[in-house]
Protein backbone atom coordinates (compact mmCIF):
# COMPACT_ATOMS: atom_id res chain seq x y z
CA UNK A 1 17.89 17.94 3.16
CA UNK A 2 16.33 18.55 -0.23
CA UNK A 3 13.43 20.92 -0.87
CA UNK A 4 9.99 19.36 -0.52
CA UNK A 5 6.26 20.03 -0.35
CA UNK A 6 4.33 18.07 2.24
CA UNK A 7 0.57 17.84 1.80
CA UNK A 8 -1.60 15.62 4.00
CA UNK A 9 -5.19 16.91 3.98
CA UNK A 10 -6.88 13.71 5.19
CA UNK A 11 -8.71 14.09 8.49
CA UNK A 12 -8.09 11.00 10.62
CA UNK A 13 -10.59 9.74 13.19
CA UNK A 14 -8.60 7.19 15.21
CA UNK A 15 -9.85 4.94 18.00
CA UNK A 16 -12.46 2.55 19.29
CA UNK A 17 -15.97 2.73 17.79
CA UNK A 18 -15.02 5.66 15.53
CA UNK A 19 -16.65 3.88 12.56
CA UNK A 20 -20.03 4.45 14.18
CA UNK A 21 -19.59 8.19 13.55
CA UNK A 22 -19.34 7.84 9.76
CA UNK A 23 -22.89 9.05 9.08
CA UNK A 24 -22.42 12.21 11.11
CA UNK A 25 -19.05 12.87 9.46
CA UNK A 26 -20.47 12.60 5.94
CA UNK A 27 -23.56 14.64 6.85
CA UNK A 28 -21.35 17.42 8.20
CA UNK A 29 -19.46 17.43 4.89
CA UNK A 30 -22.78 17.95 3.11
CA UNK A 31 -23.00 14.79 0.99
CA UNK A 32 -26.38 13.08 0.70
CA UNK A 33 -25.84 10.32 -1.89
CA UNK A 34 -22.79 8.09 -1.58
CA UNK A 35 -21.45 4.89 -3.08
CA UNK A 36 -20.11 2.37 -0.56
CA UNK A 37 -17.47 -0.02 -1.89
CA UNK A 38 -16.33 -3.07 0.05
CA UNK A 39 -15.06 -6.62 -0.43
CA UNK A 40 -17.22 -9.68 -0.17
CA UNK A 41 -18.76 -11.14 2.97
CA UNK A 42 -16.29 -10.35 5.76
CA UNK A 43 -17.78 -6.98 6.80
CA UNK A 44 -21.24 -8.59 6.94
CA UNK A 45 -20.07 -11.57 8.99
CA UNK A 46 -18.27 -9.30 11.46
CA UNK A 47 -21.29 -7.02 11.95
CA UNK A 48 -19.43 -3.98 10.61
CA UNK A 49 -21.76 -3.66 7.63
CA UNK A 50 -24.84 -3.33 9.84
CA UNK A 51 -23.16 -0.76 12.10
CA UNK A 52 -22.03 1.36 9.16
CA UNK A 53 -25.40 1.19 7.41
CA UNK A 54 -27.21 2.19 10.62
CA UNK A 55 -24.93 5.19 11.08
CA UNK A 56 -25.50 6.28 7.49
CA UNK A 57 -29.27 5.72 7.70
CA UNK A 58 -29.55 7.65 10.96
CA UNK A 59 -27.90 10.61 9.24
CA UNK A 60 -30.18 10.45 6.21
CA UNK A 61 -27.48 9.34 3.80
CA UNK A 62 -28.60 7.45 0.68
CA UNK A 63 -26.27 4.53 -0.06
CA UNK A 64 -25.55 2.94 -3.44
CA UNK A 65 -23.73 -0.33 -2.74
CA UNK A 66 -20.87 -1.82 -4.75
CA UNK A 67 -19.66 -4.92 -2.94
CA UNK A 68 -17.22 -7.39 -4.41
CA UNK A 69 -13.91 -5.53 -4.56
CA UNK A 70 -11.18 -8.16 -4.95
CA UNK A 71 -7.59 -8.18 -3.70
CA UNK A 72 -5.47 -6.47 -6.37
CA UNK A 73 -8.62 -4.49 -7.39
CA UNK A 74 -9.76 -4.93 -10.96
CA UNK A 75 -10.27 -2.39 -13.72
CA UNK A 76 -13.43 -4.18 -14.88
CA UNK A 77 -15.06 -3.66 -11.46
CA UNK A 78 -14.09 0.01 -11.44
CA UNK A 79 -15.56 0.60 -14.90
CA UNK A 80 -18.87 -0.88 -13.74
CA UNK A 81 -18.76 1.18 -10.53
CA UNK A 82 -18.19 4.36 -12.55
CA UNK A 83 -21.27 3.60 -14.63
CA UNK A 84 -23.39 3.00 -11.51
CA UNK A 85 -22.04 6.14 -9.83
CA UNK A 86 -22.97 8.30 -12.80
CA UNK A 87 -26.44 6.75 -13.13
CA UNK A 88 -27.18 7.41 -9.45
CA UNK A 89 -25.57 10.87 -9.31
CA UNK A 90 -23.28 9.76 -6.49
CA UNK A 91 -21.64 12.65 -4.64
CA UNK A 92 -19.00 10.75 -2.67
CA UNK A 93 -17.38 7.32 -2.48
CA UNK A 94 -16.97 5.54 0.87
CA UNK A 95 -14.51 2.66 0.99
CA UNK A 96 -14.95 0.10 3.76
CA UNK A 97 -11.97 -2.24 3.79
CA UNK A 98 -8.25 -2.19 3.14
CA UNK A 99 -6.11 -0.81 0.35
CA UNK A 100 -7.98 -2.68 -2.37
CA UNK A 101 -11.34 -1.13 -1.49
CA UNK A 102 -9.76 2.31 -1.10
CA UNK A 103 -7.83 2.16 -4.39
CA UNK A 104 -10.90 0.90 -6.22
CA UNK A 105 -12.87 3.81 -4.74
CA UNK A 106 -10.20 6.32 -5.77
CA UNK A 107 -10.28 5.11 -9.36
CA UNK A 108 -14.07 5.15 -9.36
CA UNK A 109 -14.08 8.70 -8.01
CA UNK A 110 -11.66 9.90 -10.69
CA UNK A 111 -13.41 8.02 -13.48
CA UNK A 112 -16.88 9.27 -12.55
CA UNK A 113 -15.75 12.91 -12.61
CA UNK A 114 -13.77 12.97 -15.87
CA UNK A 115 -14.73 12.35 -19.51
CA UNK A 116 -12.20 9.68 -20.42
CA UNK A 117 -11.52 6.03 -19.74
CA UNK A 118 -10.14 5.60 -16.23
CA UNK A 119 -7.27 3.41 -17.55
CA UNK A 120 -5.93 6.56 -19.24
CA UNK A 121 -4.74 7.82 -15.84
CA UNK A 122 -2.23 5.06 -14.96
CA UNK A 123 -1.10 4.80 -18.61
CA UNK A 124 -0.38 8.57 -18.62
CA UNK A 125 -2.72 9.30 -21.52
CA UNK A 126 -4.74 11.70 -19.38
CA UNK A 127 -4.54 13.56 -16.08
CA UNK A 128 -7.64 13.92 -13.88
CA UNK A 129 -8.94 17.48 -13.70
CA UNK A 130 -11.28 16.73 -10.79
CA UNK A 131 -12.60 13.83 -8.74
CA UNK A 132 -15.42 12.87 -6.44
CA UNK A 133 -14.38 12.97 -2.77
CA UNK A 134 -13.42 9.68 -1.12
CA UNK A 135 -13.61 8.67 2.54
CA UNK A 136 -12.72 5.36 4.13
CA UNK A 137 -13.24 3.07 7.08
CA UNK A 138 -10.01 1.10 7.33
CA UNK A 139 -10.19 -2.62 8.17
CA UNK A 140 -6.69 -3.72 7.14
CA UNK A 141 -3.46 -1.93 8.03
CA UNK A 142 -1.16 -2.33 5.04
CA UNK A 143 -1.31 -0.20 1.90
CA UNK A 144 -1.46 3.24 3.53
CA UNK A 145 -3.95 4.27 0.85
CA UNK A 146 -6.05 5.95 3.54
CA UNK A 147 -3.63 8.91 3.53
CA UNK A 148 -1.64 8.51 0.32
CA UNK A 149 -1.96 10.21 -3.05
CA UNK A 150 -1.56 6.92 -4.89
CA UNK A 151 -3.94 4.29 -6.23
CA UNK A 152 -3.19 0.99 -7.98
CA UNK A 153 -5.42 -1.08 -10.25
CA UNK A 154 -5.04 -4.33 -12.22
CA UNK A 155 -6.06 -4.66 -15.86
CA UNK A 156 -6.73 -8.39 -16.20
CA UNK A 157 -7.06 -8.17 -19.99
CA UNK A 158 -3.43 -7.07 -20.26
CA UNK A 159 -2.10 -8.59 -17.01
CA UNK A 160 -0.89 -5.15 -15.99
CA UNK A 161 -0.90 -3.60 -12.55
CA UNK A 162 -0.50 0.15 -12.74
CA UNK A 163 -0.85 3.09 -10.40
CA UNK A 164 -1.11 6.84 -10.61
CA UNK A 165 -0.54 9.63 -8.11
CA UNK A 166 -2.70 12.69 -7.72
CA UNK A 167 -3.72 14.95 -4.88
CA UNK A 168 -7.29 14.16 -5.97
CA UNK A 169 -6.59 10.68 -4.57
CA UNK A 170 -6.23 11.96 -1.02
CA UNK A 171 -9.12 10.79 1.16
CA UNK A 172 -11.25 13.51 2.75
CA UNK A 173 -11.31 11.45 5.93
CA UNK A 174 -10.04 8.13 7.23
CA UNK A 175 -11.70 6.29 10.11
CA UNK A 176 -9.17 4.03 11.80
CA UNK A 177 -10.40 1.71 14.56
CA UNK A 178 -7.68 -0.86 15.43
CA UNK A 179 -10.35 -3.25 16.76
CA UNK A 180 -11.62 -3.72 13.19
CA UNK A 181 -8.33 -5.48 12.37
CA UNK A 182 -8.60 -8.12 15.13
CA UNK A 183 -10.12 -10.64 12.73
CA UNK A 184 -7.46 -10.21 10.03
CA UNK A 185 -5.76 -13.59 9.68
CA UNK A 186 -2.03 -14.01 10.47
CA UNK A 187 -0.99 -14.22 6.82
CA UNK A 188 -2.74 -11.00 5.81
CA UNK A 189 -1.51 -9.29 8.98
CA UNK A 190 2.03 -10.26 8.00
CA UNK A 191 1.50 -9.05 4.43
CA UNK A 192 0.34 -5.71 5.83
CA UNK A 193 3.37 -5.37 8.08
CA UNK A 194 5.71 -6.04 5.15
CA UNK A 195 3.91 -3.50 2.97
CA UNK A 196 4.14 -0.84 5.70
CA UNK A 197 7.85 -1.49 6.18
CA UNK A 198 8.43 -1.51 2.42
CA UNK A 199 6.72 1.88 1.97
CA UNK A 200 9.05 3.26 4.63
CA UNK A 201 12.20 1.58 3.33
CA UNK A 202 11.51 2.63 -0.28
CA UNK A 203 11.83 6.25 0.84
CA UNK A 204 14.75 5.51 3.18
CA UNK A 205 16.93 3.85 0.52
CA UNK A 206 17.29 6.59 -2.10
CA UNK A 207 20.14 8.52 -3.68
CA UNK A 208 20.15 11.29 -1.09
CA UNK A 209 22.37 12.52 1.67
CA UNK A 210 21.31 11.63 5.21
CA UNK A 211 18.28 13.61 6.45
CA UNK A 212 18.59 13.09 10.20
CA UNK A 213 15.05 13.95 11.34
CA UNK A 214 13.30 12.17 8.46
CA UNK A 215 15.66 9.20 8.81
CA UNK A 216 14.89 8.86 12.51
CA UNK A 217 11.15 9.05 11.88
CA UNK A 218 11.51 6.23 9.34
CA UNK A 219 13.72 4.15 11.64
CA UNK A 220 11.27 4.61 14.51
CA UNK A 221 8.37 3.43 12.34
CA UNK A 222 10.33 0.38 11.21
CA UNK A 223 11.38 -0.59 14.73
CA UNK A 224 7.90 0.00 16.14
CA UNK A 225 6.21 -2.06 13.44
CA UNK A 226 8.71 -4.90 13.88
CA UNK A 227 8.10 -4.92 17.64
CA UNK A 228 4.33 -4.82 17.15
CA UNK A 229 4.57 -7.64 14.61
CA UNK A 230 6.24 -9.86 17.19
CA UNK A 231 3.46 -9.09 19.68
CA UNK A 232 0.71 -9.83 17.16
CA UNK A 233 2.30 -13.15 16.32
CA UNK A 234 1.46 -14.22 19.88
CA UNK A 235 -1.67 -12.14 20.52
CA UNK A 236 -3.63 -10.99 17.44
CA UNK A 237 -6.02 -8.98 19.63
CA UNK A 238 -3.44 -6.81 21.37
CA UNK A 239 -4.98 -3.35 20.94
CA UNK A 240 -1.79 -1.34 21.29
CA UNK A 241 0.08 -3.47 18.76
CA UNK A 242 -2.82 -3.26 16.30
CA UNK A 243 -2.97 0.51 16.85
CA UNK A 244 0.76 0.86 16.24
CA UNK A 245 0.55 -1.03 12.95
CA UNK A 246 -2.56 0.85 11.83
CA UNK A 247 -1.09 4.30 12.50
CA UNK A 248 2.21 3.24 10.93
CA UNK A 249 0.29 2.23 7.80
CA UNK A 250 -0.84 5.84 7.40
CA UNK A 251 2.49 7.44 8.26
CA UNK A 252 4.48 5.11 6.00
CA UNK A 253 2.72 6.21 2.82
CA UNK A 254 1.52 9.80 3.39
CA UNK A 255 5.01 11.01 2.30
CA UNK A 256 6.15 11.97 5.82
CA UNK A 257 9.05 9.51 5.67
CA UNK A 258 10.13 10.93 2.32
CA UNK A 259 10.38 14.60 3.30
CA UNK A 260 13.70 15.96 2.08
CA UNK A 261 14.44 12.80 0.11
CA UNK A 262 13.74 11.48 -3.38
CA UNK A 263 10.92 9.00 -3.85
CA UNK A 264 11.45 6.13 -6.31
CA UNK A 265 9.83 2.91 -4.95
CA UNK A 266 11.82 0.51 -7.18
CA UNK A 267 10.82 -2.66 -5.32
CA UNK A 268 7.15 -1.79 -5.66
CA UNK A 269 7.70 -1.52 -9.42
CA UNK A 270 9.09 -5.06 -9.47
CA UNK A 271 6.26 -6.37 -7.30
CA UNK A 272 3.55 -4.75 -9.41
CA UNK A 273 4.85 -6.75 -12.35
CA UNK A 274 4.76 -9.91 -10.21
CA UNK A 275 1.23 -9.66 -8.79
CA UNK A 276 -0.06 -8.09 -12.01
CA UNK A 277 0.99 -11.23 -13.89
CA UNK A 278 0.07 -13.64 -11.08
CA UNK A 279 -3.10 -12.37 -9.43
CA UNK A 280 -3.02 -14.96 -6.64
CA UNK A 281 0.09 -13.35 -5.11
CA UNK A 282 -0.60 -10.97 -2.23
CA UNK A 283 1.27 -7.68 -2.63
CA UNK A 284 2.95 -7.86 0.78
CA UNK A 285 4.09 -11.44 0.18
CA UNK A 286 5.66 -10.43 -3.11
CA UNK A 287 7.48 -7.58 -1.40
CA UNK A 288 8.77 -9.96 1.29
CA UNK A 289 10.53 -11.99 -1.40
CA UNK A 290 11.74 -9.10 -3.55
CA UNK A 291 12.95 -6.56 -0.99
CA UNK A 292 15.84 -8.65 0.41
CA UNK A 293 16.78 -9.69 -3.15
CA UNK A 294 16.84 -6.08 -4.35
CA UNK A 295 18.81 -5.02 -1.25
CA UNK A 296 21.38 -7.75 -1.85
CA UNK A 297 21.78 -6.49 -5.41
CA UNK A 298 22.14 -2.74 -4.70
CA UNK A 299 23.64 -2.44 -1.20
CA UNK A 300 27.18 -2.23 -2.61
CA UNK A 301 26.32 1.11 -4.20
CA UNK A 302 25.75 2.61 -0.73
CA UNK A 303 26.92 0.22 2.00
CA UNK A 304 27.04 3.03 4.55
CA UNK A 305 23.29 3.60 4.21
CA UNK A 306 22.46 -0.07 4.54
CA UNK A 307 24.81 -0.29 7.53
CA UNK A 308 22.91 2.53 9.24
CA UNK A 309 19.67 0.67 8.60
CA UNK A 310 21.16 -2.48 10.14
CA UNK A 311 22.36 -0.70 13.27
CA UNK A 312 19.40 1.60 13.86
CA UNK A 313 16.58 -0.79 12.97
CA UNK A 314 17.94 -4.27 13.66
CA UNK A 315 20.49 -3.46 16.41
CA UNK A 316 23.42 -4.88 14.44
CA UNK A 317 26.70 -4.16 16.27
CA UNK A 318 29.15 -4.98 13.46
CA UNK A 319 31.56 -2.06 12.92
CA UNK A 320 32.49 -2.86 9.31
CA UNK A 321 29.91 -1.17 7.06
CA UNK A 322 29.73 -3.87 4.41
CA UNK A 323 29.39 -6.67 6.94
CA UNK A 324 26.81 -4.65 8.88
CA UNK A 325 24.85 -3.96 5.69
CA UNK A 326 24.66 -7.65 4.83
CA UNK A 327 23.72 -8.53 8.41
CA UNK A 328 20.86 -6.01 8.31
CA UNK A 329 19.52 -7.43 5.06
CA UNK A 330 19.68 -10.92 6.55
CA UNK A 331 17.81 -9.81 9.69
CA UNK A 332 15.12 -8.21 7.54
CA UNK A 333 14.62 -11.47 5.64
CA UNK A 334 14.62 -13.44 8.89
CA UNK A 335 11.90 -11.19 10.29
CA UNK A 336 9.75 -11.63 7.21
CA UNK A 337 10.18 -15.40 7.54
CA UNK A 338 9.28 -15.19 11.24
CA UNK A 339 6.00 -13.56 10.23
CA UNK A 340 5.29 -16.49 7.92
CA UNK A 341 6.14 -14.79 4.65
CA UNK A 342 7.65 -16.67 1.68
CA UNK A 343 11.34 -16.19 0.88
CA UNK A 344 11.46 -17.46 -2.71
CA UNK A 345 9.38 -16.91 -5.84
CA UNK A 346 9.03 -20.66 -6.32
CA UNK A 347 6.88 -20.74 -3.18
CA UNK A 348 4.18 -18.98 -5.22
CA UNK A 349 4.04 -21.99 -7.53
CA UNK A 350 5.23 -20.10 -10.59
CA UNK A 351 7.68 -21.33 -13.22
CA UNK A 352 11.24 -20.03 -13.52
CA UNK A 353 10.53 -19.48 -17.20
CA UNK A 354 8.17 -16.65 -16.14
CA UNK A 355 11.07 -14.46 -15.00
CA UNK A 356 11.81 -13.03 -18.44
CA UNK A 357 8.14 -12.08 -18.80
CA UNK A 358 8.22 -10.33 -15.40
CA UNK A 359 11.27 -8.28 -16.38
CA UNK A 360 9.51 -7.43 -19.65
CA UNK A 361 6.42 -6.20 -17.78
CA UNK A 362 8.46 -4.22 -15.28
CA UNK A 363 10.36 -2.38 -18.01
CA UNK A 364 7.25 -1.82 -20.16
CA UNK A 365 8.66 -4.05 -22.90
CA UNK A 366 12.20 -2.73 -22.38
CA UNK A 367 11.12 0.87 -22.94
CA UNK A 368 12.12 2.16 -19.48
CA UNK A 369 14.52 1.60 -16.62
CA UNK A 370 13.55 1.52 -12.94
CA UNK A 371 15.42 4.14 -10.93
CA UNK A 372 17.31 2.84 -7.93
CA UNK A 373 20.84 3.21 -6.56
CA UNK A 374 21.71 2.05 -10.06
CA UNK A 375 19.37 2.17 -13.04
CA UNK A 376 17.67 -1.20 -13.32
CA UNK A 377 17.25 -2.22 -16.93
CA UNK A 378 15.76 -5.44 -18.27
CA UNK A 379 18.89 -7.51 -17.62
CA UNK A 380 19.39 -6.24 -14.05
CA UNK A 381 15.74 -6.74 -13.14
CA UNK A 382 15.82 -10.23 -14.61
CA UNK A 383 18.89 -10.95 -12.48
CA UNK A 384 17.11 -9.80 -9.30
CA UNK A 385 14.10 -11.98 -10.05
CA UNK A 386 16.40 -14.96 -10.73
CA UNK A 387 18.31 -14.41 -7.48
CA UNK A 388 15.16 -14.97 -5.41
CA UNK A 389 13.62 -17.78 -7.43
């Protein structure tokens, strides 16, 4: 096991009706003026908006609203939110939604507290020296942003999707009520499950020796999420299955499953190029196509590791490591298909001629390689994209 530092300061309030306590939670923290960021109409149609606003009002919290966060949150929205936050002397940002609302809120919080353009953070031109605090009410189990140090934003002017990590990005609190995810449609539920599994597998498949305890935590999360996914396919309102997926979302991306291991996330790098260029592609759907393709490309560099994954997660009984590894990758792809996820890039209605552009974006115009079991340069990344077209 390699040396590591584990830091998870987010206070989690988990369970039924916990969102109704948000006003009291923020009041106890001492914040009086907050910005609330959310998507479009779903939280109003579900009644969540009214419940949250009542809780905040009852606690004397002034709310500056910024609705309209889009999937793959946009830099243009964040820049406007920063301006509004500064004008209203906002003290805290509250995200109500999934990873998009939370990431947008994190960028807004960093941008409002520092004297530079917020795009300087993901492009490594600047490092935040401080940030406004962020809290969230989670309505979609997927990105794990509620407990992670990361945030991702899309610059539509440059068709670039970039992220940055900072402990300032850690939410002060996360309110997680599984019942709030009952209305998430099957496709988005599936996208969330894939994203959760990908966050776990990205830390599991790294150039490290086995780390038995961390490995077993990761394998348990993967098996539990797969089992819950099968339940939710039949009964979207199964509380225990929704709770399993929601808690797994947090654990998959708060760095617990990477303790003692390196952290590279190569498949996420490929997917960010994909959904950065094609904004209509859901992040989880892109991962569902790319993860099996990446695994097929790199498994030969560590067949023993992929064989363990096959046996521990997918109950493969094959004794030959290479055959077991391939069987595990196949079962992973079959599970994604069972959830209703696409298996090929062409299903996104994009042209094969786009592949070179995607490899270009992923390598920052051939100026970097993506670390994996083998360094992935432009040609290798292009080959992976072609293999799943």
